[in-house]
Amino acid sequence: MSEENKLSKEDQDRVDNYLESGFNSVERKPFRPWRLVAVIWVVVAALGYISWFIGKQAGYL
């Protein structure tokens, strides 16, 4: 990889100004991994129950 800048000084200044302006920046809530784990667990449990119920109705279980 070359050490040269790929943008001119003026273009780099414009890019830096745009990135610092905060345009399209969104305040987000903090990530909650345990909530994600709980939601995934509920979905997997519900799908498991549905598949068990279908298997029971079809006579496989």
PDB file of N, CA and C in Angstrom:
ATOM      1  N   MET A   1       0.844  -1.173   0.000  1.00  0.00           N
ATOM      2  CA  MET A   1       0.000   0.000   0.000  1.00  0.00           C
ATOM      3  C   MET A   1       0.884   1.229   0.000  1.00  0.00           C
ATOM      4  N   SER A   2       0.544   2.190  -0.804  1.00  0.00           N
ATOM      5  CA  SER A   2       1.401   3.369  -0.903  1.00  0.00           C
ATOM      6  C   SER A   2       1.138   4.322   0.262  1.00  0.00           C
ATOM      7  N   GLU A   3       2.120   5.122   0.569  1.00  0.00           N
ATOM      8  CA  GLU A   3       2.032   6.086   1.665  1.00  0.00           C
ATOM      9  C   GLU A   3       1.470   7.426   1.192  1.00  0.00           C
ATOM     10  N   GLU A   4       1.261   7.587  -0.120  1.00  0.00           N
ATOM     11  CA  GLU A   4       0.780   8.847  -0.657  1.00  0.00           C
ATOM     12  C   GLU A   4      -0.698   9.034  -0.349  1.00  0.00           C
ATOM     13  N   ASN A   5      -1.092  10.316  -0.228  1.00  0.00           N
ATOM     14  CA  ASN A   5      -2.513  10.616  -0.079  1.00  0.00           C
ATOM     15  C   ASN A   5      -3.181  10.456  -1.435  1.00  0.00           C
ATOM     16  N   LYS A   6      -4.342   9.866  -1.455  1.00  0.00           N
ATOM     17  CA  LYS A   6      -5.052   9.687  -2.715  1.00  0.00           C
ATOM     18  C   LYS A   6      -5.910  10.902  -3.036  1.00  0.00           C
ATOM     19  N   LEU A   7      -6.149  11.752  -2.061  1.00  0.00           N
ATOM     20  CA  LEU A   7      -6.936  12.958  -2.268  1.00  0.00           C
ATOM     21  C   LEU A   7      -6.035  14.184  -2.183  1.00  0.00           C
ATOM     22  N   SER A   8      -6.449  15.214  -2.895  1.00  0.00           N
ATOM     23  CA  SER A   8      -5.712  16.473  -2.780  1.00  0.00           C
ATOM     24  C   SER A   8      -6.007  17.083  -1.412  1.00  0.00           C
ATOM     25  N   LYS A   9      -5.251  18.071  -1.039  1.00  0.00           N
ATOM     26  CA  LYS A   9      -5.437  18.730   0.258  1.00  0.00           C
ATOM     27  C   LYS A   9      -6.835  19.330   0.367  1.00  0.00           C
ATOM     28  N   GLU A  10      -7.310  19.955  -0.705  1.00  0.00           N
ATOM     29  CA  GLU A  10      -8.642  20.570  -0.692  1.00  0.00           C
ATOM     30  C   GLU A  10      -9.728  19.512  -0.526  1.00  0.00           C
ATOM     31  N   ASP A  11      -9.591  18.424  -1.277  1.00  0.00           N
ATOM     32  CA  ASP A  11     -10.592  17.359  -1.181  1.00  0.00           C
ATOM     33  C   ASP A  11     -10.590  16.721   0.206  1.00  0.00           C
ATOM     34  N   GLN A  12      -9.399  16.536   0.762  1.00  0.00           N
ATOM     35  CA  GLN A  12      -9.310  15.952   2.100  1.00  0.00           C
ATOM     36  C   GLN A  12      -9.933  16.876   3.134  1.00  0.00           C
ATOM     37  N   ASP A  13      -9.746  18.176   2.974  1.00  0.00           N
ATOM     38  CA  ASP A  13     -10.381  19.141   3.888  1.00  0.00           C
ATOM     39  C   ASP A  13     -11.898  19.072   3.784  1.00  0.00           C
ATOM     40  N   ARG A  14     -12.421  18.936   2.556  1.00  0.00           N
ATOM     41  CA  ARG A  14     -13.868  18.815   2.380  1.00  0.00           C
ATOM     42  C   ARG A  14     -14.397  17.543   3.029  1.00  0.00           C
ATOM     43  N   VAL A  15     -13.681  16.453   2.865  1.00  0.00           N
ATOM     44  CA  VAL A  15     -14.099  15.187   3.485  1.00  0.00           C
ATOM     45  C   VAL A  15     -14.075  15.322   5.001  1.00  0.00           C
ATOM     46  N   ASP A  16     -13.039  15.896   5.544  1.00  0.00           N
ATOM     47  CA  ASP A  16     -12.940  16.066   6.995  1.00  0.00           C
ATOM     48  C   ASP A  16     -14.071  16.950   7.528  1.00  0.00           C
ATOM     49  N   ASN A  17     -14.375  18.033   6.828  1.00  0.00           N
ATOM     50  CA  ASN A  17     -15.474  18.913   7.254  1.00  0.00           C
ATOM     51  C   ASN A  17     -16.801  18.181   7.223  1.00  0.00           C
ATOM     52  N   TYR A  18     -17.017  17.379   6.195  1.00  0.00           N
ATOM     53  CA  TYR A  18     -18.270  16.628   6.095  1.00  0.00           C
ATOM     54  C   TYR A  18     -18.386  15.628   7.244  1.00  0.00           C
ATOM     55  N   LEU A  19     -17.293  14.912   7.533  1.00  0.00           N
ATOM     56  CA  LEU A  19     -17.344  13.916   8.599  1.00  0.00           C
ATOM     57  C   LEU A  19     -17.530  14.550   9.969  1.00  0.00           C
ATOM     58  N   GLU A  20     -17.028  15.750  10.169  1.00  0.00           N
ATOM     59  CA  GLU A  20     -17.168  16.439  11.445  1.00  0.00           C
ATOM     60  C   GLU A  20     -18.519  17.145  11.591  1.00  0.00           C
ATOM     61  N   SER A  21     -19.249  17.327  10.472  1.00  0.00           N
ATOM     62  CA  SER A  21     -20.503  18.075  10.526  1.00  0.00           C
ATOM     63  C   SER A  21     -21.601  17.310  11.256  1.00  0.00           C
ATOM     64  N   GLY A  22     -21.534  15.981  11.299  1.00  0.00           N
ATOM     65  CA  GLY A  22     -22.555  15.200  11.975  1.00  0.00           C
ATOM     66  C   GLY A  22     -23.784  14.958  11.116  1.00  0.00           C
ATOM     67  N   PHE A  23     -23.697  15.239   9.832  1.00  0.00           N
ATOM     68  CA  PHE A  23     -24.817  15.012   8.918  1.00  0.00           C
ATOM     69  C   PHE A  23     -25.108  13.520   8.872  1.00  0.00           C
ATOM     70  N   ASN A  24     -26.372  13.168   8.987  1.00  0.00           N
ATOM     71  CA  ASN A  24     -26.839  11.778   9.003  1.00  0.00           C
ATOM     72  C   ASN A  24     -26.374  11.002  10.237  1.00  0.00           C
ATOM     73  N   SER A  25     -25.915  11.672  11.260  1.00  0.00           N
ATOM     74  CA  SER A  25     -25.557  10.953  12.474  1.00  0.00           C
ATOM     75  C   SER A  25     -26.829  10.703  13.283  1.00  0.00           C
ATOM     76  N   VAL A  26     -26.905   9.545  13.904  1.00  0.00           N
ATOM     77  CA  VAL A  26     -28.107   9.136  14.628  1.00  0.00           C
ATOM     78  C   VAL A  26     -27.709   8.751  16.045  1.00  0.00           C
ATOM     79  N   GLU A  27     -28.441   9.300  17.012  1.00  0.00           N
ATOM     80  CA  GLU A  27     -28.223   8.888  18.392  1.00  0.00           C
ATOM     81  C   GLU A  27     -28.815   7.503  18.567  1.00  0.00           C
ATOM     82  N   ARG A  28     -28.054   6.589  19.096  1.00  0.00           N
ATOM     83  CA  ARG A  28     -28.533   5.222  19.259  1.00  0.00           C
ATOM     84  C   ARG A  28     -28.541   4.839  20.722  1.00  0.00           C
ATOM     85  N   LYS A  29     -29.462   3.944  21.043  1.00  0.00           N
ATOM     86  CA  LYS A  29     -29.502   3.405  22.395  1.00  0.00           C
ATOM     87  C   LYS A  29     -28.319   2.448  22.564  1.00  0.00           C
ATOM     88  N   PRO A  30     -27.868   2.240  23.786  1.00  0.00           N
ATOM     89  CA  PRO A  30     -26.754   1.314  23.982  1.00  0.00           C
ATOM     90  C   PRO A  30     -27.157  -0.118  23.623  1.00  0.00           C
ATOM     91  N   PHE A  31     -26.195  -0.856  23.116  1.00  0.00           N
ATOM     92  CA  PHE A  31     -26.430  -2.240  22.722  1.00  0.00           C
ATOM     93  C   PHE A  31     -26.615  -3.094  23.974  1.00  0.00           C
ATOM     94  N   ARG A  32     -27.658  -3.937  23.968  1.00  0.00           N
ATOM     95  CA  ARG A  32     -27.954  -4.791  25.117  1.00  0.00           C
ATOM     96  C   ARG A  32     -27.903  -6.244  24.683  1.00  0.00           C
ATOM     97  N   PRO A  33     -26.761  -6.891  24.898  1.00  0.00           N
ATOM     98  CA  PRO A  33     -26.608  -8.270  24.405  1.00  0.00           C
ATOM     99  C   PRO A  33     -27.540  -9.255  25.098  1.00  0.00           C
ATOM    100  N   TRP A  34     -27.848  -9.050  26.363  1.00  0.00           N
ATOM    101  CA  TRP A  34     -28.716 -10.008  27.054  1.00  0.00           C
ATOM    102  C   TRP A  34     -30.146  -9.941  26.539  1.00  0.00           C
ATOM    103  N   ARG A  35     -30.565  -8.765  26.109  1.00  0.00           N
ATOM    104  CA  ARG A  35     -31.897  -8.651  25.506  1.00  0.00           C
ATOM    105  C   ARG A  35     -31.934  -9.416  24.180  1.00  0.00           C
ATOM    106  N   LEU A  36     -30.868  -9.308  23.411  1.00  0.00           N
ATOM    107  CA  LEU A  36     -30.778 -10.048  22.156  1.00  0.00           C
ATOM    108  C   LEU A  36     -30.799 -11.550  22.412  1.00  0.00           C
ATOM    109  N   VAL A  37     -30.060 -12.009  23.411  1.00  0.00           N
ATOM    110  CA  VAL A  37     -30.048 -13.433  23.760  1.00  0.00           C
ATOM    111  C   VAL A  37     -31.447 -13.883  24.169  1.00  0.00           C
ATOM    112  N   ALA A  38     -32.142 -13.071  24.945  1.00  0.00           N
ATOM    113  CA  ALA A  38     -33.492 -13.423  25.387  1.00  0.00           C
ATOM    114  C   ALA A  38     -34.457 -13.515  24.209  1.00  0.00           C
ATOM    115  N   VAL A  39     -34.374 -12.565  23.297  1.00  0.00           N
ATOM    116  CA  VAL A  39     -35.261 -12.583  22.130  1.00  0.00           C
ATOM    117  C   VAL A  39     -34.985 -13.811  21.273  1.00  0.00           C
ATOM    118  N   ILE A  40     -33.709 -14.111  21.038  1.00  0.00           N
ATOM    119  CA  ILE A  40     -33.363 -15.298  20.246  1.00  0.00           C
ATOM    120  C   ILE A  40     -33.852 -16.555  20.936  1.00  0.00           C
ATOM    121  N   TRP A  41     -33.691 -16.632  22.260  1.00  0.00           N
ATOM    122  CA  TRP A  41     -34.144 -17.807  22.997  1.00  0.00           C
ATOM    123  C   TRP A  41     -35.654 -17.975  22.879  1.00  0.00           C
ATOM    124  N   VAL A  42     -36.401 -16.887  22.992  1.00  0.00           N
ATOM    125  CA  VAL A  42     -37.860 -16.952  22.878  1.00  0.00           C
ATOM    126  C   VAL A  42     -38.269 -17.419  21.479  1.00  0.00           C
ATOM    127  N   VAL A  43     -37.617 -16.893  20.454  1.00  0.00           N
ATOM    128  CA  VAL A  43     -37.950 -17.284  19.084  1.00  0.00           C
ATOM    129  C   VAL A  43     -37.645 -18.765  18.858  1.00  0.00           C
ATOM    130  N   VAL A  44     -36.494 -19.232  19.312  1.00  0.00           N
ATOM    131  CA  VAL A  44     -36.131 -20.637  19.139  1.00  0.00           C
ATOM    132  C   VAL A  44     -37.077 -21.540  19.929  1.00  0.00           C
ATOM    133  N   ALA A  45     -37.431 -21.133  21.146  1.00  0.00           N
ATOM    134  CA  ALA A  45     -38.367 -21.928  21.944  1.00  0.00           C
ATOM    135  C   ALA A  45     -39.734 -21.982  21.278  1.00  0.00           C
ATOM    136  N   ALA A  46     -40.205 -20.860  20.740  1.00  0.00           N
ATOM    137  CA  ALA A  46     -41.509 -20.840  20.070  1.00  0.00           C
ATOM    138  C   ALA A  46     -41.495 -21.728  18.828  1.00  0.00           C
ATOM    139  N   LEU A  47     -40.449 -21.645  18.037  1.00  0.00           N
ATOM    140  CA  LEU A  47     -40.358 -22.501  16.854  1.00  0.00           C
ATOM    141  C   LEU A  47     -40.252 -23.971  17.244  1.00  0.00           C
ATOM    142  N   GLY A  48     -39.544 -24.262  18.320  1.00  0.00           N
ATOM    143  CA  GLY A  48     -39.461 -25.639  18.806  1.00  0.00           C
ATOM    144  C   GLY A  48     -40.810 -26.158  19.260  1.00  0.00           C
ATOM    145  N   TYR A  49     -41.552 -25.310  19.960  1.00  0.00           N
ATOM    146  CA  TYR A  49     -42.887 -25.722  20.404  1.00  0.00           C
ATOM    147  C   TYR A  49     -43.805 -25.953  19.208  1.00  0.00           C
ATOM    148  N   ILE A  50     -43.743 -25.075  18.228  1.00  0.00           N
ATOM    149  CA  ILE A  50     -44.578 -25.230  17.036  1.00  0.00           C
ATOM    150  C   ILE A  50     -44.224 -26.524  16.312  1.00  0.00           C
ATOM    151  N   SER A  51     -42.943 -26.813  16.161  1.00  0.00           N
ATOM    152  CA  SER A  51     -42.547 -28.047  15.470  1.00  0.00           C
ATOM    153  C   SER A  51     -42.951 -29.272  16.288  1.00  0.00           C
ATOM    154  N   TRP A  52     -42.855 -29.192  17.613  1.00  0.00           N
ATOM    155  CA  TRP A  52     -43.294 -30.305  18.457  1.00  0.00           C
ATOM    156  C   TRP A  52     -44.805 -30.515  18.306  1.00  0.00           C
ATOM    157  N   PHE A  53     -45.555 -29.419  18.297  1.00  0.00           N
ATOM    158  CA  PHE A  53     -47.009 -29.501  18.158  1.00  0.00           C
ATOM    159  C   PHE A  53     -47.391 -30.105  16.806  1.00  0.00           C
ATOM    160  N   ILE A  54     -46.728 -29.678  15.741  1.00  0.00           N
ATOM    161  CA  ILE A  54     -47.020 -30.237  14.412  1.00  0.00           C
ATOM    162  C   ILE A  54     -46.656 -31.723  14.371  1.00  0.00           C
ATOM    163  N   GLY A  55     -45.537 -32.080  14.969  1.00  0.00           N
ATOM    164  CA  GLY A  55     -45.145 -33.493  15.008  1.00  0.00           C
ATOM    165  C   GLY A  55     -46.127 -34.333  15.810  1.00  0.00           C
ATOM    166  N   LYS A  56     -46.625 -33.781  16.887  1.00  0.00           N
ATOM    167  CA  LYS A  56     -47.610 -34.479  17.718  1.00  0.00           C
ATOM    168  C   LYS A  56     -48.921 -34.677  16.949  1.00  0.00           C
ATOM    169  N   GLN A  57     -49.370 -33.628  16.242  1.00  0.00           N
ATOM    170  CA  GLN A  57     -50.594 -33.712  15.478  1.00  0.00           C
ATOM    171  C   GLN A  57     -50.486 -34.694  14.309  1.00  0.00           C
ATOM    172  N   ALA A  58     -49.284 -34.774  13.717  1.00  0.00           N
ATOM    173  CA  ALA A  58     -49.087 -35.646  12.567  1.00  0.00           C
ATOM    174  C   ALA A  58     -48.849 -37.090  12.986  1.00  0.00           C
ATOM    175  N   GLY A  59     -48.630 -37.335  14.287  1.00  0.00           N
ATOM    176  CA  GLY A  59     -48.450 -38.688  14.773  1.00  0.00           C
ATOM    177  C   GLY A  59     -47.003 -39.162  14.785  1.00  0.00           C
ATOM    178  N   TYR A  60     -46.066 -38.262  14.609  1.00  0.00           N
ATOM    179  CA  TYR A  60     -44.652 -38.656  14.642  1.00  0.00           C
ATOM    180  C   TYR A  60     -44.117 -38.757  16.071  1.00  0.00           C
ATOM    181  N   LEU A  61     -44.763 -38.141  17.008  1.00  0.00           N
ATOM    182  CA  LEU A  61     -44.288 -38.174  18.398  1.00  0.00           C
ATOM    183  C   LEU A  61     -45.276 -38.888  19.285  1.00  0.00           C
TER     184      LEU A  61
END
